[in-house]
Structures are given as C-alpha cells and as structure tokens.
Amino acid sequence: RSAQHSHAPVSADDFPALPLTLALPHCPQSVAGARRFARA
C-alpha cells in the first residue's frame, strides 16, 4: 500500500491473517519478504 500508510478498509482476502507462518529461503532476501508479510 502507499508509503503514507493509509489505514483504508481492506478485506480478509487482501492480506494474510494471524497466525502467519512462512517457510523462507535461507538467504538475505528473506528479511524483506518476512517484513512485507508482517506489514500486510
């Protein structure tokens, strides 16, 4: 979403929900991926 971090309504289908579990590749790029999912 925008960098302004708008809290506009979203549907449950738009983003992952809690609890969230992700198997990640063991590489530096996974840090950004985990952050994207956590932010969502």
ModelCIF file with pLDDT and N, C-alpha, C, O atoms, coordinates in Angstrom:
data_MODEL
#
_entry.id   MODEL 
#
_entity.id                         1 
_entity.type                       polymer 
_entity.pdbx_number_of_molecules   1 
#
_entity_poly.entity_id                      1 
_entity_poly.type                           'polypeptide(L)' 
_entity_poly.nstd_linkage                   no 
_entity_poly.nstd_monomer                   no 
_entity_poly.pdbx_seq_one_letter_code       RSAQHSHAPVSADDFPALPLTLALPHCPQSVAGARRFARA 
_entity_poly.pdbx_seq_one_letter_code_can   RSAQHSHAPVSADDFPALPLTLALPHCPQSVAGARRFARA 
_entity_poly.pdbx_strand_id                 A 
#
loop_
_entity_poly_seq.entity_id 
_entity_poly_seq.num 
_entity_poly_seq.mon_id 
_entity_poly_seq.hetero 
1 1  ARG n 
1 2  SER n 
1 3  ALA n 
1 4  GLN n 
1 5  HIS n 
1 6  SER n 
1 7  HIS n 
1 8  ALA n 
1 9  PRO n 
1 10 VAL n 
1 11 SER n 
1 12 ALA n 
1 13 ASP n 
1 14 ASP n 
1 15 PHE n 
1 16 PRO n 
1 17 ALA n 
1 18 LEU n 
1 19 PRO n 
1 20 LEU n 
1 21 THR n 
1 22 LEU n 
1 23 ALA n 
1 24 LEU n 
1 25 PRO n 
1 26 HIS n 
1 27 CYS n 
1 28 PRO n 
1 29 GLN n 
1 30 SER n 
1 31 VAL n 
1 32 ALA n 
1 33 GLY n 
1 34 ALA n 
1 35 ARG n 
1 36 ARG n 
1 37 PHE n 
1 38 ALA n 
1 39 ARG n 
1 40 ALA n 
#
_struct_asym.id          A 
_struct_asym.entity_id   1 
#
loop_
_ma_qa_metric.id 
_ma_qa_metric.mode 
_ma_qa_metric.name 
_ma_qa_metric.software_group_id 
_ma_qa_metric.type 
1 global pLDDT . pLDDT 
2 local  pLDDT . pLDDT 
#
_ma_qa_metric_global.metric_id      1 
_ma_qa_metric_global.metric_value   74.05 
_ma_qa_metric_global.model_id       1 
_ma_qa_metric_global.ordinal_id     1 
#
loop_
_ma_qa_metric_local.label_asym_id 
_ma_qa_metric_local.label_comp_id 
_ma_qa_metric_local.label_seq_id 
_ma_qa_metric_local.metric_id 
_ma_qa_metric_local.metric_value 
_ma_qa_metric_local.model_id 
_ma_qa_metric_local.ordinal_id 
A ARG 1  2 35.00 1 1  
A SER 2  2 32.00 1 2  
A ALA 3  2 33.00 1 3  
A GLN 4  2 37.00 1 4  
A HIS 5  2 41.00 1 5  
A SER 6  2 43.00 1 6  
A HIS 7  2 44.00 1 7  
A ALA 8  2 45.00 1 8  
A PRO 9  2 45.00 1 9  
A VAL 10 2 41.00 1 10 
A SER 11 2 45.00 1 11 
A ALA 12 2 46.00 1 12 
A ASP 13 2 54.00 1 13 
A ASP 14 2 54.00 1 14 
A PHE 15 2 60.00 1 15 
A PRO 16 2 72.00 1 16 
A ALA 17 2 79.00 1 17 
A LEU 18 2 88.00 1 18 
A PRO 19 2 91.00 1 19 
A LEU 20 2 90.00 1 20 
A THR 21 2 93.00 1 21 
A LEU 22 2 92.00 1 22 
A ALA 23 2 95.00 1 23 
A LEU 24 2 96.00 1 24 
A PRO 25 2 96.00 1 25 
A HIS 26 2 95.00 1 26 
A CYS 27 2 94.00 1 27 
A PRO 28 2 93.00 1 28 
A GLN 29 2 94.00 1 29 
A SER 30 2 96.00 1 30 
A VAL 31 2 96.00 1 31 
A ALA 32 2 95.00 1 32 
A GLY 33 2 94.00 1 33 
A ALA 34 2 95.00 1 34 
A ARG 35 2 96.00 1 35 
A ARG 36 2 94.00 1 36 
A PHE 37 2 92.00 1 37 
A ALA 38 2 95.00 1 38 
A ARG 39 2 94.00 1 39 
A ALA 40 2 92.00 1 40 
#
loop_
_atom_site.group_PDB 
_atom_site.id 
_atom_site.type_symbol 
_atom_site.label_atom_id 
_atom_site.label_alt_id 
_atom_site.label_comp_id 
_atom_site.label_asym_id 
_atom_site.label_entity_id 
_atom_site.label_seq_id 
_atom_site.pdbx_PDB_ins_code 
_atom_site.Cartn_x 
_atom_site.Cartn_y 
_atom_site.Cartn_z 
_atom_site.occupancy 
_atom_site.B_iso_or_equiv 
_atom_site.pdbx_formal_charge 
_atom_site.auth_seq_id 
_atom_site.auth_comp_id 
_atom_site.auth_asym_id 
_atom_site.auth_atom_id 
_atom_site.pdbx_PDB_model_num 
ATOM 1   N N  . ARG A 1 1  ? 0.844   -1.181  0.000  1.00 35.00 ? 1  ARG A N  1 
ATOM 2   C CA . ARG A 1 1  ? 0.000   0.000   0.000  1.00 35.00 ? 1  ARG A CA 1 
ATOM 3   C C  . ARG A 1 1  ? 0.879   1.230   0.000  1.00 35.00 ? 1  ARG A C  1 
ATOM 4   O O  . ARG A 1 1  ? 2.102   1.102   0.054  1.00 35.00 ? 1  ARG A O  1 
ATOM 5   N N  . SER A 1 2  ? 0.315   2.385   -0.058 1.00 32.00 ? 2  SER A N  1 
ATOM 6   C CA . SER A 1 2  ? 1.079   3.624   -0.174 1.00 32.00 ? 2  SER A CA 1 
ATOM 7   C C  . SER A 1 2  ? 2.014   3.811   1.008  1.00 32.00 ? 2  SER A C  1 
ATOM 8   O O  . SER A 1 2  ? 1.785   3.283   2.096  1.00 32.00 ? 2  SER A O  1 
ATOM 9   N N  . ALA A 1 3  ? 3.066   4.570   0.768  1.00 33.00 ? 3  ALA A N  1 
ATOM 10  C CA . ALA A 1 3  ? 4.058   4.832   1.800  1.00 33.00 ? 3  ALA A CA 1 
ATOM 11  C C  . ALA A 1 3  ? 3.472   5.680   2.929  1.00 33.00 ? 3  ALA A C  1 
ATOM 12  O O  . ALA A 1 3  ? 4.030   5.714   4.026  1.00 33.00 ? 3  ALA A O  1 
ATOM 13  N N  . GLN A 1 4  ? 2.354   6.363   2.676  1.00 37.00 ? 4  GLN A N  1 
ATOM 14  C CA . GLN A 1 4  ? 1.736   7.163   3.732  1.00 37.00 ? 4  GLN A CA 1 
ATOM 15  C C  . GLN A 1 4  ? 1.076   6.287   4.785  1.00 37.00 ? 4  GLN A C  1 
ATOM 16  O O  . GLN A 1 4  ? 0.675   6.786   5.836  1.00 37.00 ? 4  GLN A O  1 
ATOM 17  N N  . HIS A 1 5  ? 0.959   5.014   4.529  1.00 41.00 ? 5  HIS A N  1 
ATOM 18  C CA . HIS A 1 5  ? 0.418   4.051   5.472  1.00 41.00 ? 5  HIS A CA 1 
ATOM 19  C C  . HIS A 1 5  ? -1.040  4.365   5.791  1.00 41.00 ? 5  HIS A C  1 
ATOM 20  O O  . HIS A 1 5  ? -1.416  4.487   6.957  1.00 41.00 ? 5  HIS A O  1 
ATOM 21  N N  . SER A 1 6  ? -1.816  4.490   4.797  1.00 43.00 ? 6  SER A N  1 
ATOM 22  C CA . SER A 1 6  ? -3.246  4.703   4.969  1.00 43.00 ? 6  SER A CA 1 
ATOM 23  C C  . SER A 1 6  ? -3.870  3.456   5.574  1.00 43.00 ? 6  SER A C  1 
ATOM 24  O O  . SER A 1 6  ? -3.544  2.335   5.185  1.00 43.00 ? 6  SER A O  1 
ATOM 25  N N  . HIS A 1 7  ? -4.755  3.658   6.513  1.00 44.00 ? 7  HIS A N  1 
ATOM 26  C CA . HIS A 1 7  ? -5.462  2.534   7.115  1.00 44.00 ? 7  HIS A CA 1 
ATOM 27  C C  . HIS A 1 7  ? -6.859  2.420   6.510  1.00 44.00 ? 7  HIS A C  1 
ATOM 28  O O  . HIS A 1 7  ? -7.847  2.293   7.232  1.00 44.00 ? 7  HIS A O  1 
ATOM 29  N N  . ALA A 1 8  ? -6.933  2.465   5.195  1.00 45.00 ? 8  ALA A N  1 
ATOM 30  C CA . ALA A 1 8  ? -8.207  2.300   4.498  1.00 45.00 ? 8  ALA A CA 1 
ATOM 31  C C  . ALA A 1 8  ? -8.698  0.884   4.720  1.00 45.00 ? 8  ALA A C  1 
ATOM 32  O O  . ALA A 1 8  ? -7.886  -0.015  4.937  1.00 45.00 ? 8  ALA A O  1 
ATOM 33  N N  . PRO A 1 9  ? -10.004 0.657   4.672  1.00 45.00 ? 9  PRO A N  1 
ATOM 34  C CA . PRO A 1 9  ? -10.535 -0.694  4.879  1.00 45.00 ? 9  PRO A CA 1 
ATOM 35  C C  . PRO A 1 9  ? -9.989  -1.683  3.858  1.00 45.00 ? 9  PRO A C  1 
ATOM 36  O O  . PRO A 1 9  ? -9.835  -1.363  2.680  1.00 45.00 ? 9  PRO A O  1 
ATOM 37  N N  . VAL A 1 10 ? -9.704  -2.877  4.331  1.00 41.00 ? 10 VAL A N  1 
ATOM 38  C CA . VAL A 1 10 ? -9.250  -3.955  3.457  1.00 41.00 ? 10 VAL A CA 1 
ATOM 39  C C  . VAL A 1 10 ? -10.096 -5.181  3.767  1.00 41.00 ? 10 VAL A C  1 
ATOM 40  O O  . VAL A 1 10 ? -10.646 -5.312  4.861  1.00 41.00 ? 10 VAL A O  1 
ATOM 41  N N  . SER A 1 11 ? -10.190 -6.056  2.813  1.00 45.00 ? 11 SER A N  1 
ATOM 42  C CA . SER A 1 11 ? -10.931 -7.289  3.064  1.00 45.00 ? 11 SER A CA 1 
ATOM 43  C C  . SER A 1 11 ? -9.959  -8.366  3.537  1.00 45.00 ? 11 SER A C  1 
ATOM 44  O O  . SER A 1 11 ? -8.748  -8.246  3.355  1.00 45.00 ? 11 SER A O  1 
ATOM 45  N N  . ALA A 1 12 ? -10.493 -9.399  4.135  1.00 46.00 ? 12 ALA A N  1 
ATOM 46  C CA . ALA A 1 12 ? -9.666  -10.501 4.630  1.00 46.00 ? 12 ALA A CA 1 
ATOM 47  C C  . ALA A 1 12 ? -8.932  -11.192 3.496  1.00 46.00 ? 12 ALA A C  1 
ATOM 48  O O  . ALA A 1 12 ? -7.897  -11.819 3.720  1.00 46.00 ? 12 ALA A O  1 
ATOM 49  N N  . ASP A 1 13 ? -9.456  -11.088 2.275  1.00 54.00 ? 13 ASP A N  1 
ATOM 50  C CA . ASP A 1 13 ? -8.806  -11.726 1.134  1.00 54.00 ? 13 ASP A CA 1 
ATOM 51  C C  . ASP A 1 13 ? -7.588  -10.952 0.644  1.00 54.00 ? 13 ASP A C  1 
ATOM 52  O O  . ASP A 1 13 ? -6.763  -11.500 -0.087 1.00 54.00 ? 13 ASP A O  1 
ATOM 53  N N  . ASP A 1 14 ? -7.464  -9.686  1.035  1.00 54.00 ? 14 ASP A N  1 
ATOM 54  C CA . ASP A 1 14 ? -6.389  -8.833  0.542  1.00 54.00 ? 14 ASP A CA 1 
ATOM 55  C C  . ASP A 1 14 ? -5.031  -9.130  1.181  1.00 54.00 ? 14 ASP A C  1 
ATOM 56  O O  . ASP A 1 14 ? -3.998  -8.988  0.526  1.00 54.00 ? 14 ASP A O  1 
ATOM 57  N N  . PHE A 1 15 ? -5.022  -9.536  2.442  1.00 60.00 ? 15 PHE A N  1 
ATOM 58  C CA . PHE A 1 15 ? -3.781  -9.696  3.184  1.00 60.00 ? 15 PHE A CA 1 
ATOM 59  C C  . PHE A 1 15 ? -3.809  -10.988 3.989  1.00 60.00 ? 15 PHE A C  1 
ATOM 60  O O  . PHE A 1 15 ? -4.880  -11.514 4.292  1.00 60.00 ? 15 PHE A O  1 
ATOM 61  N N  . PRO A 1 16 ? -2.630  -11.496 4.333  1.00 72.00 ? 16 PRO A N  1 
ATOM 62  C CA . PRO A 1 16 ? -2.584  -12.670 5.200  1.00 72.00 ? 16 PRO A CA 1 
ATOM 63  C C  . PRO A 1 16 ? -3.116  -12.323 6.591  1.00 72.00 ? 16 PRO A C  1 
ATOM 64  O O  . PRO A 1 16 ? -3.142  -11.153 6.971  1.00 72.00 ? 16 PRO A O  1 
ATOM 65  N N  . ALA A 1 17 ? -3.529  -13.311 7.331  1.00 79.00 ? 17 ALA A N  1 
ATOM 66  C CA . ALA A 1 17 ? -4.094  -13.109 8.661  1.00 79.00 ? 17 ALA A CA 1 
ATOM 67  C C  . ALA A 1 17 ? -3.249  -13.827 9.706  1.00 79.00 ? 17 ALA A C  1 
ATOM 68  O O  . ALA A 1 17 ? -2.372  -14.625 9.373  1.00 79.00 ? 17 ALA A O  1 
ATOM 69  N N  . LEU A 1 18 ? -3.522  -13.536 10.960 1.00 88.00 ? 18 LEU A N  1 
ATOM 70  C CA . LEU A 1 18 ? -2.864  -14.218 12.061 1.00 88.00 ? 18 LEU A CA 1 
ATOM 71  C C  . LEU A 1 18 ? -3.560  -15.543 12.324 1.00 88.00 ? 18 LEU A C  1 
ATOM 72  O O  . LEU A 1 18 ? -4.778  -15.611 12.163 1.00 88.00 ? 18 LEU A O  1 
ATOM 73  N N  . PRO A 1 19 ? -2.879  -16.572 12.708 1.00 91.00 ? 19 PRO A N  1 
ATOM 74  C CA . PRO A 1 19 ? -1.423  -16.652 12.765 1.00 91.00 ? 19 PRO A CA 1 
ATOM 75  C C  . PRO A 1 19 ? -0.809  -16.785 11.378 1.00 91.00 ? 19 PRO A C  1 
ATOM 76  O O  . PRO A 1 19 ? -1.408  -17.368 10.475 1.00 91.00 ? 19 PRO A O  1 
ATOM 77  N N  . LEU A 1 20 ? 0.365   -16.250 11.225 1.00 90.00 ? 20 LEU A N  1 
ATOM 78  C CA . LEU A 1 20 ? 1.097   -16.302 9.964  1.00 90.00 ? 20 LEU A CA 1 
ATOM 79  C C  . LEU A 1 20 ? 2.332   -17.174 10.166 1.00 90.00 ? 20 LEU A C  1 
ATOM 80  O O  . LEU A 1 20 ? 3.101   -16.960 11.103 1.00 90.00 ? 20 LEU A O  1 
ATOM 81  N N  . THR A 1 21 ? 2.519   -18.148 9.294  1.00 93.00 ? 21 THR A N  1 
ATOM 82  C CA . THR A 1 21 ? 3.712   -18.995 9.308  1.00 93.00 ? 21 THR A CA 1 
ATOM 83  C C  . THR A 1 21 ? 4.239   -19.066 7.888  1.00 93.00 ? 21 THR A C  1 
ATOM 84  O O  . THR A 1 21 ? 3.508   -19.404 6.958  1.00 93.00 ? 21 THR A O  1 
ATOM 85  N N  . LEU A 1 22 ? 5.522   -18.743 7.729  1.00 92.00 ? 22 LEU A N  1 
ATOM 86  C CA . LEU A 1 22 ? 6.154   -18.758 6.405  1.00 92.00 ? 22 LEU A CA 1 
ATOM 87  C C  . LEU A 1 22 ? 7.460   -19.534 6.454  1.00 92.00 ? 22 LEU A C  1 
ATOM 88  O O  . LEU A 1 22 ? 8.343   -19.223 7.253  1.00 92.00 ? 22 LEU A O  1 
ATOM 89  N N  . ALA A 1 23 ? 7.584   -20.533 5.610  1.00 95.00 ? 23 ALA A N  1 
ATOM 90  C CA . ALA A 1 23 ? 8.875   -21.182 5.393  1.00 95.00 ? 23 ALA A CA 1 
ATOM 91  C C  . ALA A 1 23 ? 9.617   -20.299 4.403  1.00 95.00 ? 23 ALA A C  1 
ATOM 92  O O  . ALA A 1 23 ? 9.113   -20.023 3.315  1.00 95.00 ? 23 ALA A O  1 
ATOM 93  N N  . LEU A 1 24 ? 10.804  -19.856 4.774  1.00 96.00 ? 24 LEU A N  1 
ATOM 94  C CA . LEU A 1 24 ? 11.566  -18.909 3.961  1.00 96.00 ? 24 LEU A CA 1 
ATOM 95  C C  . LEU A 1 24 ? 12.866  -19.517 3.464  1.00 96.00 ? 24 LEU A C  1 
ATOM 96  O O  . LEU A 1 24 ? 13.459  -20.364 4.132  1.00 96.00 ? 24 LEU A O  1 
ATOM 97  N N  . PRO A 1 25 ? 13.309  -19.084 2.291  1.00 96.00 ? 25 PRO A N  1 
ATOM 98  C CA . PRO A 1 25 ? 14.647  -19.491 1.849  1.00 96.00 ? 25 PRO A CA 1 
ATOM 99  C C  . PRO A 1 25 ? 15.689  -18.934 2.817  1.00 96.00 ? 25 PRO A C  1 
ATOM 100 O O  . PRO A 1 25 ? 15.506  -17.851 3.372  1.00 96.00 ? 25 PRO A O  1 
ATOM 101 N N  . HIS A 1 26 ? 16.754  -19.656 3.015  1.00 95.00 ? 26 HIS A N  1 
ATOM 102 C CA . HIS A 1 26 ? 17.813  -19.227 3.933  1.00 95.00 ? 26 HIS A CA 1 
ATOM 103 C C  . HIS A 1 26 ? 18.755  -18.295 3.168  1.00 95.00 ? 26 HIS A C  1 
ATOM 104 O O  . HIS A 1 26 ? 19.869  -18.673 2.805  1.00 95.00 ? 26 HIS A O  1 
ATOM 105 N N  . CYS A 1 27 ? 18.276  -17.054 2.930  1.00 94.00 ? 27 CYS A N  1 
ATOM 106 C CA . CYS A 1 27 ? 19.059  -16.077 2.168  1.00 94.00 ? 27 CYS A CA 1 
ATOM 107 C C  . CYS A 1 27 ? 18.684  -14.665 2.615  1.00 94.00 ? 27 CYS A C  1 
ATOM 108 O O  . CYS A 1 27 ? 17.612  -14.470 3.188  1.00 94.00 ? 27 CYS A O  1 
ATOM 109 N N  . PRO A 1 28 ? 19.542  -13.683 2.368  1.00 93.00 ? 28 PRO A N  1 
ATOM 110 C CA . PRO A 1 28 ? 19.286  -12.314 2.822  1.00 93.00 ? 28 PRO A CA 1 
ATOM 111 C C  . PRO A 1 28 ? 17.969  -11.720 2.324  1.00 93.00 ? 28 PRO A C  1 
ATOM 112 O O  . PRO A 1 28 ? 17.373  -10.907 3.031  1.00 93.00 ? 28 PRO A O  1 
ATOM 113 N N  . GLN A 1 29 ? 17.500  -12.086 1.156  1.00 94.00 ? 29 GLN A N  1 
ATOM 114 C CA . GLN A 1 29 ? 16.259  -11.539 0.607  1.00 94.00 ? 29 GLN A CA 1 
ATOM 115 C C  . GLN A 1 29 ? 15.040  -11.906 1.454  1.00 94.00 ? 29 GLN A C  1 
ATOM 116 O O  . GLN A 1 29 ? 14.007  -11.242 1.372  1.00 94.00 ? 29 GLN A O  1 
ATOM 117 N N  . SER A 1 30 ? 15.150  -12.938 2.250  1.00 96.00 ? 30 SER A N  1 
ATOM 118 C CA . SER A 1 30 ? 14.028  -13.361 3.079  1.00 96.00 ? 30 SER A CA 1 
ATOM 119 C C  . SER A 1 30 ? 13.687  -12.351 4.173  1.00 96.00 ? 30 SER A C  1 
ATOM 120 O O  . SER A 1 30 ? 12.557  -12.330 4.661  1.00 96.00 ? 30 SER A O  1 
ATOM 121 N N  . VAL A 1 31 ? 14.640  -11.521 4.559  1.00 96.00 ? 31 VAL A N  1 
ATOM 122 C CA . VAL A 1 31 ? 14.364  -10.489 5.561  1.00 96.00 ? 31 VAL A CA 1 
ATOM 123 C C  . VAL A 1 31 ? 13.293  -9.547  5.022  1.00 96.00 ? 31 VAL A C  1 
ATOM 124 O O  . VAL A 1 31 ? 12.308  -9.270  5.707  1.00 96.00 ? 31 VAL A O  1 
ATOM 125 N N  . ALA A 1 32 ? 13.478  -9.059  3.809  1.00 95.00 ? 32 ALA A N  1 
ATOM 126 C CA . ALA A 1 32 ? 12.499  -8.148  3.202  1.00 95.00 ? 32 ALA A CA 1 
ATOM 127 C C  . ALA A 1 32 ? 11.160  -8.848  2.983  1.00 95.00 ? 32 ALA A C  1 
ATOM 128 O O  . ALA A 1 32 ? 10.109  -8.243  3.190  1.00 95.00 ? 32 ALA A O  1 
ATOM 129 N N  . GLY A 1 33 ? 11.184  -10.094 2.575  1.00 94.00 ? 33 GLY A N  1 
ATOM 130 C CA . GLY A 1 33 ? 9.947   -10.842 2.369  1.00 94.00 ? 33 GLY A CA 1 
ATOM 131 C C  . GLY A 1 33 ? 9.165   -11.012 3.658  1.00 94.00 ? 33 GLY A C  1 
ATOM 132 O O  . GLY A 1 33 ? 7.948   -10.828 3.671  1.00 94.00 ? 33 GLY A O  1 
ATOM 133 N N  . ALA A 1 34 ? 9.841   -11.357 4.736  1.00 95.00 ? 34 ALA A N  1 
ATOM 134 C CA . ALA A 1 34 ? 9.170   -11.514 6.028  1.00 95.00 ? 34 ALA A CA 1 
ATOM 135 C C  . ALA A 1 34 ? 8.587   -10.183 6.488  1.00 95.00 ? 34 ALA A C  1 
ATOM 136 O O  . ALA A 1 34 ? 7.483   -10.140 7.033  1.00 95.00 ? 34 ALA A O  1 
ATOM 137 N N  . ARG A 1 35 ? 9.326   -9.101  6.271  1.00 96.00 ? 35 ARG A N  1 
ATOM 138 C CA . ARG A 1 35 ? 8.819   -7.777  6.642  1.00 96.00 ? 35 ARG A CA 1 
ATOM 139 C C  . ARG A 1 35 ? 7.573   -7.411  5.835  1.00 96.00 ? 35 ARG A C  1 
ATOM 140 O O  . ARG A 1 35 ? 6.628   -6.847  6.386  1.00 96.00 ? 35 ARG A O  1 
ATOM 141 N N  . ARG A 1 36 ? 7.558   -7.725  4.536  1.00 94.00 ? 36 ARG A N  1 
ATOM 142 C CA . ARG A 1 36 ? 6.385   -7.413  3.707  1.00 94.00 ? 36 ARG A CA 1 
ATOM 143 C C  . ARG A 1 36 ? 5.145   -8.140  4.205  1.00 94.00 ? 36 ARG A C  1 
ATOM 144 O O  . ARG A 1 36 ? 4.071   -7.546  4.309  1.00 94.00 ? 36 ARG A O  1 
ATOM 145 N N  . PHE A 1 37 ? 5.290   -9.421  4.512  1.00 92.00 ? 37 PHE A N  1 
ATOM 146 C CA . PHE A 1 37 ? 4.152   -10.174 5.014  1.00 92.00 ? 37 PHE A CA 1 
ATOM 147 C C  . PHE A 1 37 ? 3.717   -9.664  6.389  1.00 92.00 ? 37 PHE A C  1 
ATOM 148 O O  . PHE A 1 37 ? 2.521   -9.512  6.637  1.00 92.00 ? 37 PHE A O  1 
ATOM 149 N N  . ALA A 1 38 ? 4.660   -9.402  7.272  1.00 95.00 ? 38 ALA A N  1 
ATOM 150 C CA . ALA A 1 38 ? 4.314   -8.882  8.596  1.00 95.00 ? 38 ALA A CA 1 
ATOM 151 C C  . ALA A 1 38 ? 3.615   -7.529  8.481  1.00 95.00 ? 38 ALA A C  1 
ATOM 152 O O  . ALA A 1 38 ? 2.645   -7.271  9.193  1.00 95.00 ? 38 ALA A O  1 
ATOM 153 N N  . ARG A 1 39 ? 4.092   -6.678  7.604  1.00 94.00 ? 39 ARG A N  1 
ATOM 154 C CA . ARG A 1 39 ? 3.459   -5.370  7.409  1.00 94.00 ? 39 ARG A CA 1 
ATOM 155 C C  . ARG A 1 39 ? 2.035   -5.538  6.894  1.00 94.00 ? 39 ARG A C  1 
ATOM 156 O O  . ARG A 1 39 ? 1.131   -4.833  7.343  1.00 94.00 ? 39 ARG A O  1 
ATOM 157 N N  . ALA A 1 40 ? 1.826   -6.443  5.976  1.00 92.00 ? 40 ALA A N  1 
ATOM 158 C CA . ALA A 1 40 ? 0.483   -6.683  5.448  1.00 92.00 ? 40 ALA A CA 1 
ATOM 159 C C  . ALA A 1 40 ? -0.460  -7.128  6.560  1.00 92.00 ? 40 ALA A C  1 
ATOM 160 O O  . ALA A 1 40 ? -1.639  -7.378  6.307  1.00 92.00 ? 40 ALA A O  1 
#
